[in-house]
Amino acid sequence: MPYTALSYDVQNFIATITLNRPEKRNSFNPTLIRELREAFLAAGGDPAVRVIVLAGAGKVFCAGMDLAYLQDISQFSVLENMTDSRAFQEMLHTVYTCPKAVIARVHGAAIAGGCGLASVCDFVIAAREKSLFGYSEVKIGFIPAIVSVYLVNKIGGTQARRLLLSAENINADEAFRLGLVTQVVNDADLDVAVQQTAQMLAANSSSAIALTKEILGNLPNMSLESALQYACSMNAVARTTDDFKRGVAGFLEKK
């Protein structure tokens, strides 16, 4: 389908979704939020896609909410803001629960909602010299409500409090130390590192990736006993998949 706020391309089992509002620092508006959700739903259901790379056009990854959009929502009623807030939450949740492996290619700023978008990806590969991460919401009287849920889950409560309450920006190396970033590379090596990771993931079983992501998403809400029972049931399901049967057959043929 045609997109106006992002671009979508698939090559060699890798879908590249690029935020395409460089003149607005790839900031969120209703169109971009809606198209991101649609693009991830499309990629998640496409058997020709095994990995998704999420990138930003221009000099930054994503600078959060568009300032004109923020001005608009400041005039909304509570019910209007609830509907609008839910759209953003549904977009992030769609990225987070996507059955395909998702890599965020971060260069430049990933601020506020943009940092939240990176945090819901499975892998975050960041350019060392130019990347910045931060949650600036409290500086303007806003709160990082939705993104805080994912951040606490990703890096834990102590460091999440630091980032959310201070509104400080941190560089890629510090973001890596906190667990927000998966890998830091020199800026010139960013595309190579992203491509290498994408190709590595594309070589893995799509069904196994999807089931593993489902497990990882559900475990934090379970007791130890419930988690172990759930893990056994998912283990049993995995044994019935075509990928597992082909994998075992291929392994036995090599022996």
Protein backbone atom coordinates (compact mmCIF):
# COMPACT_ATOMS: atom_id res chain seq x y z
CA MET A 1 0.00 0.00 0.00
CA PRO A 2 1.22 3.59 -0.57
CA TYR A 3 2.70 5.44 2.40
CA THR A 4 3.23 9.17 2.76
CA ALA A 5 5.16 9.46 6.05
CA LEU A 6 7.41 6.42 5.69
CA SER A 7 8.94 4.19 3.04
CA TYR A 8 8.66 0.41 2.90
CA ASP A 9 10.96 -1.94 0.99
CA VAL A 10 11.57 -5.69 1.05
CA GLN A 11 14.72 -7.35 -0.25
CA ASN A 12 16.18 -10.78 0.57
CA PHE A 13 13.66 -11.42 3.37
CA ILE A 14 14.51 -8.08 5.04
CA ALA A 15 11.86 -5.36 5.22
CA THR A 16 13.20 -1.84 5.72
CA ILE A 17 10.72 0.62 7.20
CA THR A 18 12.08 4.16 7.11
CA LEU A 19 10.50 7.11 8.90
CA ASN A 20 10.38 9.65 6.10
CA ARG A 21 9.74 13.09 7.57
CA PRO A 22 13.34 14.38 7.61
CA GLU A 23 12.23 18.00 7.44
CA LYS A 24 10.41 17.39 10.76
CA ARG A 25 13.19 15.25 12.25
CA ASN A 26 10.97 12.21 11.69
CA SER A 27 8.70 13.38 14.49
CA PHE A 28 5.37 11.69 15.08
CA ASN A 29 2.10 12.98 13.72
CA PRO A 30 -1.16 11.02 13.35
CA THR A 31 -0.26 9.90 9.83
CA LEU A 32 3.15 8.51 10.79
CA ILE A 33 1.72 6.74 13.84
CA ARG A 34 -1.01 5.12 11.75
CA GLU A 35 1.32 4.17 8.90
CA LEU A 36 3.89 2.66 11.26
CA ARG A 37 1.27 0.36 12.72
CA GLU A 38 0.01 -0.58 9.25
CA ALA A 39 3.53 -1.24 7.96
CA PHE A 40 4.43 -3.48 10.91
CA LEU A 41 1.19 -5.40 10.58
CA ALA A 42 1.93 -5.90 6.87
CA ALA A 43 5.52 -7.01 7.47
CA GLY A 44 4.52 -9.22 10.38
CA GLY A 45 2.06 -11.11 8.20
CA ASP A 46 4.26 -11.34 5.10
CA PRO A 47 5.97 -14.74 4.62
CA ALA A 48 8.54 -13.00 2.40
CA VAL A 49 9.73 -11.01 5.46
CA ARG A 50 11.87 -12.53 8.19
CA VAL A 51 13.50 -9.43 9.64
CA ILE A 52 12.46 -5.78 9.88
CA VAL A 53 14.92 -2.89 9.97
CA LEU A 54 13.46 0.36 11.33
CA ALA A 55 15.37 3.47 10.30
CA GLY A 56 14.97 7.22 9.99
CA ALA A 57 15.61 9.37 6.92
CA GLY A 58 17.86 12.39 7.23
CA LYS A 59 20.01 13.32 10.20
CA VAL A 60 18.04 11.75 13.09
CA PHE A 61 16.17 8.59 13.95
CA CYS A 62 13.08 10.19 15.55
CA ALA A 63 12.72 13.35 17.62
CA GLY A 64 9.46 12.37 19.33
CA MET A 65 6.17 14.17 18.84
CA ASP A 66 5.79 16.89 16.21
CA LEU A 67 5.54 20.28 17.93
CA ALA A 68 2.47 21.27 15.90
CA TYR A 69 0.87 17.96 16.89
CA LEU A 70 1.62 18.63 20.56
CA GLN A 71 0.00 22.03 20.25
CA ASP A 72 -3.10 20.44 18.74
CA ILE A 73 -3.49 17.80 21.44
CA SER A 74 -3.13 20.41 24.17
CA GLN A 75 -6.55 21.64 23.03
CA PHE A 76 -8.17 18.18 22.94
CA SER A 77 -10.75 17.01 25.44
CA VAL A 78 -9.89 14.13 27.77
CA LEU A 79 -11.85 11.69 25.58
CA GLU A 80 -10.13 12.96 22.42
CA ASN A 81 -6.75 12.62 24.07
CA MET A 82 -7.59 9.11 25.26
CA THR A 83 -8.36 8.07 21.67
CA ASP A 84 -5.20 9.73 20.39
CA SER A 85 -3.05 8.25 23.17
CA ARG A 86 -4.44 4.79 22.47
CA ALA A 87 -3.39 5.08 18.81
CA PHE A 88 0.22 5.71 19.87
CA GLN A 89 0.09 2.86 22.38
CA GLU A 90 -1.30 0.46 19.76
CA MET A 91 1.48 1.41 17.35
CA LEU A 92 4.21 0.72 19.92
CA HIS A 93 2.55 -2.53 20.95
CA THR A 94 2.35 -3.65 17.32
CA VAL A 95 6.09 -3.09 16.94
CA TYR A 96 6.83 -4.79 20.27
CA THR A 97 4.70 -7.87 19.54
CA CYS A 98 5.62 -8.17 15.86
CA PRO A 99 6.38 -11.86 15.16
CA LYS A 100 9.44 -10.90 13.09
CA ALA A 101 12.77 -9.82 14.56
CA VAL A 102 13.01 -6.01 14.58
CA ILE A 103 16.23 -3.99 14.42
CA ALA A 104 16.31 -0.25 15.15
CA ARG A 105 19.03 1.51 13.14
CA VAL A 106 19.68 4.59 15.27
CA HIS A 107 21.68 7.57 14.11
CA GLY A 108 21.32 11.06 15.50
CA ALA A 109 18.60 11.75 18.02
CA ALA A 110 16.14 9.22 19.42
CA ILE A 111 14.25 11.45 21.82
CA ALA A 112 11.03 11.08 23.86
CA GLY A 113 8.62 8.97 21.80
CA GLY A 114 11.47 8.29 19.38
CA CYS A 115 13.49 6.74 22.19
CA GLY A 116 10.38 4.79 23.16
CA LEU A 117 10.09 3.53 19.58
CA ALA A 118 13.67 2.28 19.65
CA SER A 119 13.11 0.62 23.03
CA VAL A 120 10.32 -1.65 21.72
CA CYS A 121 12.60 -3.11 19.03
CA ASP A 122 14.42 -6.41 19.62
CA PHE A 123 17.81 -5.02 18.62
CA VAL A 124 19.03 -1.42 18.79
CA ILE A 125 22.20 -0.73 16.82
CA ALA A 126 23.46 2.81 17.36
CA ALA A 127 26.04 5.07 15.74
CA ARG A 128 28.57 6.03 18.41
CA GLU A 129 29.46 9.60 17.43
CA LYS A 130 26.07 11.12 16.67
CA SER A 131 23.39 9.12 18.49
CA LEU A 132 21.57 10.58 21.49
CA PHE A 133 18.91 8.94 23.64
CA GLY A 134 16.58 10.60 26.11
CA TYR A 135 13.07 11.18 27.39
CA SER A 136 12.43 14.92 27.36
CA GLU A 137 8.72 14.91 28.24
CA VAL A 138 8.94 16.35 31.76
CA LYS A 139 10.79 19.41 30.43
CA ILE A 140 7.59 20.62 28.75
CA GLY A 141 5.09 19.50 31.39
CA PHE A 142 4.26 16.27 29.62
CA ILE A 143 4.80 12.77 31.01
CA PRO A 144 6.48 9.71 29.43
CA ALA A 145 3.53 7.51 30.36
CA ILE A 146 3.28 4.90 27.61
CA VAL A 147 6.99 4.66 26.85
CA SER A 148 7.77 4.22 30.56
CA VAL A 149 6.08 0.81 30.56
CA TYR A 150 8.47 -0.50 27.92
CA LEU A 151 11.52 1.24 29.36
CA VAL A 152 11.07 -0.23 32.85
CA ASN A 153 10.65 -3.66 31.30
CA LYS A 154 13.81 -3.17 29.25
CA ILE A 155 16.33 -1.64 31.68
CA GLY A 156 14.72 -1.89 35.12
CA GLY A 157 13.19 0.63 37.47
CA THR A 158 16.29 2.35 38.86
CA GLN A 159 17.77 3.54 35.59
CA ALA A 160 14.33 4.15 34.08
CA ARG A 161 13.63 6.60 36.92
CA ARG A 162 16.90 8.35 36.17
CA LEU A 163 16.13 8.84 32.49
CA LEU A 164 12.44 9.65 32.82
CA LEU A 165 12.74 12.11 35.72
CA SER A 166 15.96 13.86 34.73
CA ALA A 167 15.10 14.23 31.01
CA GLU A 168 18.84 14.04 30.34
CA ASN A 169 20.21 12.93 26.99
CA ILE A 170 22.75 10.14 27.00
CA ASN A 171 25.14 9.00 24.29
CA ALA A 172 25.20 5.60 22.62
CA ASP A 173 27.87 4.14 24.90
CA GLU A 174 25.92 5.06 28.03
CA ALA A 175 22.72 3.74 26.48
CA PHE A 176 24.55 0.47 25.83
CA ARG A 177 25.77 0.33 29.42
CA LEU A 178 22.20 0.74 30.67
CA GLY A 179 20.85 -1.98 28.36
CA LEU A 180 18.85 0.34 26.13
CA VAL A 181 21.12 -0.34 23.14
CA THR A 182 22.24 -3.73 21.86
CA GLN A 183 25.34 -2.70 19.90
CA VAL A 184 27.35 0.48 19.35
CA VAL A 185 29.43 0.96 16.22
CA ASN A 186 31.33 3.78 14.55
CA ASP A 187 29.04 5.91 12.43
CA ALA A 188 30.68 4.77 9.19
CA ASP A 189 30.06 1.13 10.13
CA LEU A 190 26.38 1.46 11.03
CA ASP A 191 24.85 0.14 7.82
CA VAL A 192 27.26 -2.80 7.66
CA ALA A 193 26.49 -3.76 11.27
CA VAL A 194 22.74 -3.52 10.69
CA GLN A 195 22.95 -5.59 7.52
CA GLN A 196 25.09 -8.26 9.18
CA THR A 197 22.65 -8.59 12.07
CA ALA A 198 19.67 -8.67 9.72
CA GLN A 199 21.24 -11.40 7.59
CA MET A 200 22.08 -13.43 10.69
CA LEU A 201 18.50 -13.23 11.89
CA ALA A 202 17.05 -13.96 8.45
CA ALA A 203 18.94 -17.26 8.44
CA ASN A 204 17.04 -18.41 11.54
CA SER A 205 13.63 -20.10 11.62
CA SER A 206 10.78 -17.60 11.28
CA SER A 207 8.40 -19.72 13.34
CA ALA A 208 10.99 -20.22 16.08
CA ILE A 209 11.67 -16.46 16.22
CA ALA A 210 7.94 -15.75 16.49
CA LEU A 211 7.38 -18.32 19.24
CA THR A 212 10.45 -17.16 21.17
CA LYS A 213 9.27 -13.54 21.01
CA GLU A 214 5.86 -14.62 22.25
CA ILE A 215 7.48 -16.38 25.21
CA LEU A 216 9.67 -13.39 26.06
CA GLY A 217 6.66 -11.09 25.94
CA ASN A 218 4.56 -13.24 28.26
CA LEU A 219 7.07 -14.42 30.89
CA PRO A 220 7.35 -11.17 32.92
CA ASN A 221 3.69 -11.43 33.94
CA MET A 222 3.89 -15.00 35.25
CA SER A 223 4.84 -16.70 38.46
CA LEU A 224 7.68 -19.23 38.30
CA GLU A 225 5.28 -22.19 38.31
CA SER A 226 3.04 -20.67 35.64
CA ALA A 227 6.05 -19.70 33.53
CA LEU A 228 7.42 -23.25 33.59
CA GLN A 229 4.06 -24.75 32.64
CA TYR A 230 3.74 -22.20 29.83
CA ALA A 231 7.29 -22.96 28.67
CA CYS A 232 6.50 -26.68 28.47
CA SER A 233 3.41 -26.03 26.39
CA MET A 234 5.31 -23.73 24.02
CA ASN A 235 8.08 -26.31 23.77
CA ALA A 236 5.51 -28.87 22.70
CA VAL A 237 4.05 -26.50 20.10
CA ALA A 238 7.50 -25.80 18.64
CA ARG A 239 8.07 -29.52 18.11
CA THR A 240 5.10 -29.65 15.72
CA THR A 241 6.23 -26.86 13.40
CA ASP A 242 7.43 -27.51 9.86
CA ASP A 243 10.65 -25.58 10.56
CA PHE A 244 11.49 -27.88 13.45
CA LYS A 245 10.81 -31.01 11.41
CA ARG A 246 12.92 -29.74 8.52
CA GLY A 247 15.68 -28.67 10.90
CA VAL A 248 15.89 -32.06 12.58
CA ALA A 249 15.81 -33.87 9.23
CA GLY A 250 18.56 -31.64 7.86
CA PHE A 251 20.71 -32.19 10.95
CA LEU A 252 20.34 -35.96 10.72
CA GLU A 253 21.26 -35.94 7.04
CA LYS A 254 24.56 -34.22 7.88
CA LYS A 255 25.56 -36.89 10.40
